[in-house]
Amino acid sequence: MAEVDVDKESGKIRVKRVVCAQDMGQVVNPQGAVTQMEGCITMGLGYALSEEIRFRNGQILDTNFDSYEIPRFSWVPKIETVLVENSELPQRGR
């Protein structure tokens, strides 16, 4: 769930807060799970709000990070995570 502000004149979106609850079975490393959730949320916000690859005549125009905008810590919103306990599912991963 996300709390956002939208500037009605410019259409600019600012995400103020994101809350994510996830059931991933038995969590062996809770801090690692939270870090993974936060990273995925941050990447998703970048994909949705700022990252765009521009092309002209089949050529990529954005070849470095001075024109390809990725999420910056200064605009990442407050992220709240909830790990839903579920001992019914065994731990996964390697």
C-alpha atoms as a PDB file:
ATOM      1  CA  MET A   1       0.000   0.000   0.000  1.00  0.00           C
ATOM      2  CA  ALA A   2       1.339   3.448  -0.817  1.00  0.00           C
ATOM      3  CA  GLU A   3       0.570   6.943   0.403  1.00  0.00           C
ATOM      4  CA  VAL A   4       1.252   9.453  -2.364  1.00  0.00           C
ATOM      5  CA  ASP A   5       0.985  13.149  -3.164  1.00  0.00           C
ATOM      6  CA  VAL A   6       0.157  14.207  -6.715  1.00  0.00           C
ATOM      7  CA  ASP A   7       0.772  17.749  -7.912  1.00  0.00           C
ATOM      8  CA  LYS A   8      -2.384  18.487  -9.911  1.00  0.00           C
ATOM      9  CA  GLU A   9      -0.676  21.058 -12.122  1.00  0.00           C
ATOM     10  CA  SER A  10       2.512  19.191 -13.051  1.00  0.00           C
ATOM     11  CA  GLY A  11       1.300  15.616 -12.531  1.00  0.00           C
ATOM     12  CA  LYS A  12       4.439  14.917 -10.486  1.00  0.00           C
ATOM     13  CA  ILE A  13       4.005  12.040  -8.054  1.00  0.00           C
ATOM     14  CA  ARG A  14       5.757  11.880  -4.689  1.00  0.00           C
ATOM     15  CA  VAL A  15       5.499   8.661  -2.728  1.00  0.00           C
ATOM     16  CA  LYS A  16       5.433   9.479   0.984  1.00  0.00           C
ATOM     17  CA  ARG A  17       5.117   6.017   2.497  1.00  0.00           C
ATOM     18  CA  VAL A  18       4.900   2.369   1.455  1.00  0.00           C
ATOM     19  CA  VAL A  19       3.698  -0.500   3.644  1.00  0.00           C
ATOM     20  CA  CYS A  20       4.342  -4.070   2.499  1.00  0.00           C
ATOM     21  CA  ALA A  21       3.220  -7.244   4.276  1.00  0.00           C
ATOM     22  CA  GLN A  22       4.620 -10.500   2.961  1.00  0.00           C
ATOM     23  CA  ASP A  23       4.099 -14.163   3.818  1.00  0.00           C
ATOM     24  CA  MET A  24       7.241 -16.028   2.837  1.00  0.00           C
ATOM     25  CA  GLY A  25       6.938 -19.071   5.076  1.00  0.00           C
ATOM     26  CA  GLN A  26       9.541 -19.634   7.767  1.00  0.00           C
ATOM     27  CA  VAL A  27      11.966 -16.727   7.756  1.00  0.00           C
ATOM     28  CA  VAL A  28      15.455 -17.795   8.783  1.00  0.00           C
ATOM     29  CA  ASN A  29      17.036 -14.340   8.367  1.00  0.00           C
ATOM     30  CA  PRO A  30      14.437 -11.641   9.152  1.00  0.00           C
ATOM     31  CA  GLN A  31      16.820  -8.718   8.551  1.00  0.00           C
ATOM     32  CA  GLY A  32      17.800 -10.161   5.181  1.00  0.00           C
ATOM     33  CA  ALA A  33      14.128 -10.580   4.265  1.00  0.00           C
ATOM     34  CA  VAL A  34      13.338  -6.983   5.243  1.00  0.00           C
ATOM     35  CA  THR A  35      16.330  -5.697   3.269  1.00  0.00           C
ATOM     36  CA  GLN A  36      15.187  -7.682   0.216  1.00  0.00           C
ATOM     37  CA  MET A  37      11.655  -6.260   0.517  1.00  0.00           C
ATOM     38  CA  GLU A  38      12.935  -2.692   0.834  1.00  0.00           C
ATOM     39  CA  GLY A  39      15.221  -3.107  -2.169  1.00  0.00           C
ATOM     40  CA  CYS A  40      12.457  -4.542  -4.330  1.00  0.00           C
ATOM     41  CA  ILE A  41      10.099  -1.715  -3.370  1.00  0.00           C
ATOM     42  CA  THR A  42      12.754   0.880  -4.187  1.00  0.00           C
ATOM     43  CA  MET A  43      13.466  -0.721  -7.575  1.00  0.00           C
ATOM     44  CA  GLY A  44       9.739  -0.916  -8.347  1.00  0.00           C
ATOM     45  CA  LEU A  45       9.305   2.772  -7.557  1.00  0.00           C
ATOM     46  CA  GLY A  46      12.192   3.579  -9.882  1.00  0.00           C
ATOM     47  CA  TYR A  47      10.701   1.510 -12.699  1.00  0.00           C
ATOM     48  CA  ALA A  48       7.304   3.157 -12.244  1.00  0.00           C
ATOM     49  CA  LEU A  49       8.273   6.776 -11.602  1.00  0.00           C
ATOM     50  CA  SER A  50      11.655   7.715 -13.022  1.00  0.00           C
ATOM     51  CA  GLU A  51      13.460   5.115 -15.091  1.00  0.00           C
ATOM     52  CA  GLU A  52      13.001   5.448 -18.816  1.00  0.00           C
ATOM     53  CA  ILE A  53      15.229   4.345 -21.668  1.00  0.00           C
ATOM     54  CA  ARG A  54      14.880   6.722 -24.589  1.00  0.00           C
ATOM     55  CA  PHE A  55      15.598   5.743 -28.186  1.00  0.00           C
ATOM     56  CA  ARG A  56      16.151   7.654 -31.430  1.00  0.00           C
ATOM     57  CA  ASN A  57      16.516   5.868 -34.752  1.00  0.00           C
ATOM     58  CA  GLY A  58      17.089   2.575 -32.943  1.00  0.00           C
ATOM     59  CA  GLN A  59      19.897   3.986 -30.809  1.00  0.00           C
ATOM     60  CA  ILE A  60      19.750   4.204 -27.004  1.00  0.00           C
ATOM     61  CA  LEU A  61      20.067   7.838 -25.899  1.00  0.00           C
ATOM     62  CA  ASP A  62      20.569   7.123 -22.193  1.00  0.00           C
ATOM     63  CA  THR A  63      24.020   5.554 -21.991  1.00  0.00           C
ATOM     64  CA  ASN A  64      24.959   6.603 -18.452  1.00  0.00           C
ATOM     65  CA  PHE A  65      23.409   7.865 -15.228  1.00  0.00           C
ATOM     66  CA  ASP A  66      23.503  11.599 -16.023  1.00  0.00           C
ATOM     67  CA  SER A  67      20.299  11.189 -18.052  1.00  0.00           C
ATOM     68  CA  TYR A  68      18.908   7.851 -16.801  1.00  0.00           C
ATOM     69  CA  GLU A  69      17.385   8.616 -13.420  1.00  0.00           C
ATOM     70  CA  ILE A  70      17.472   5.819 -10.854  1.00  0.00           C
ATOM     71  CA  PRO A  71      16.001   6.057  -7.339  1.00  0.00           C
ATOM     72  CA  ARG A  72      18.001   8.261  -4.995  1.00  0.00           C
ATOM     73  CA  PHE A  73      18.017   7.821  -1.231  1.00  0.00           C
ATOM     74  CA  SER A  74      16.851  11.427  -0.924  1.00  0.00           C
ATOM     75  CA  TRP A  75      13.472  10.609  -2.503  1.00  0.00           C
ATOM     76  CA  VAL A  76      12.899   7.039  -1.303  1.00  0.00           C
ATOM     77  CA  PRO A  77       9.837   7.134   0.960  1.00  0.00           C
ATOM     78  CA  LYS A  78       9.426   5.694   4.409  1.00  0.00           C
ATOM     79  CA  ILE A  79       9.097   1.924   3.906  1.00  0.00           C
ATOM     80  CA  GLU A  80       7.378  -0.201   6.514  1.00  0.00           C
ATOM     81  CA  THR A  81       7.631  -3.975   6.248  1.00  0.00           C
ATOM     82  CA  VAL A  82       5.609  -6.692   7.958  1.00  0.00           C
ATOM     83  CA  LEU A  83       6.784 -10.292   7.900  1.00  0.00           C
ATOM     84  CA  VAL A  84       3.703 -12.492   8.211  1.00  0.00           C
ATOM     85  CA  GLU A  85       4.632 -15.485  10.356  1.00  0.00           C
ATOM     86  CA  ASN A  86       3.784 -18.801   8.735  1.00  0.00           C
ATOM     87  CA  SER A  87       5.564 -21.859  10.150  1.00  0.00           C
ATOM     88  CA  GLU A  88       3.382 -24.070   7.924  1.00  0.00           C
ATOM     89  CA  LEU A  89       5.620 -23.363   4.922  1.00  0.00           C
ATOM     90  CA  PRO A  90       9.242 -24.574   5.131  1.00  0.00           C
ATOM     91  CA  GLN A  91      12.127 -22.199   4.522  1.00  0.00           C
ATOM     92  CA  ARG A  92      13.283 -21.845   0.917  1.00  0.00           C
ATOM     93  CA  GLY A  93      16.475 -20.726  -0.720  1.00  0.00           C
ATOM     94  CA  ARG A  94      20.026 -22.005  -0.896  1.00  0.00           C
END
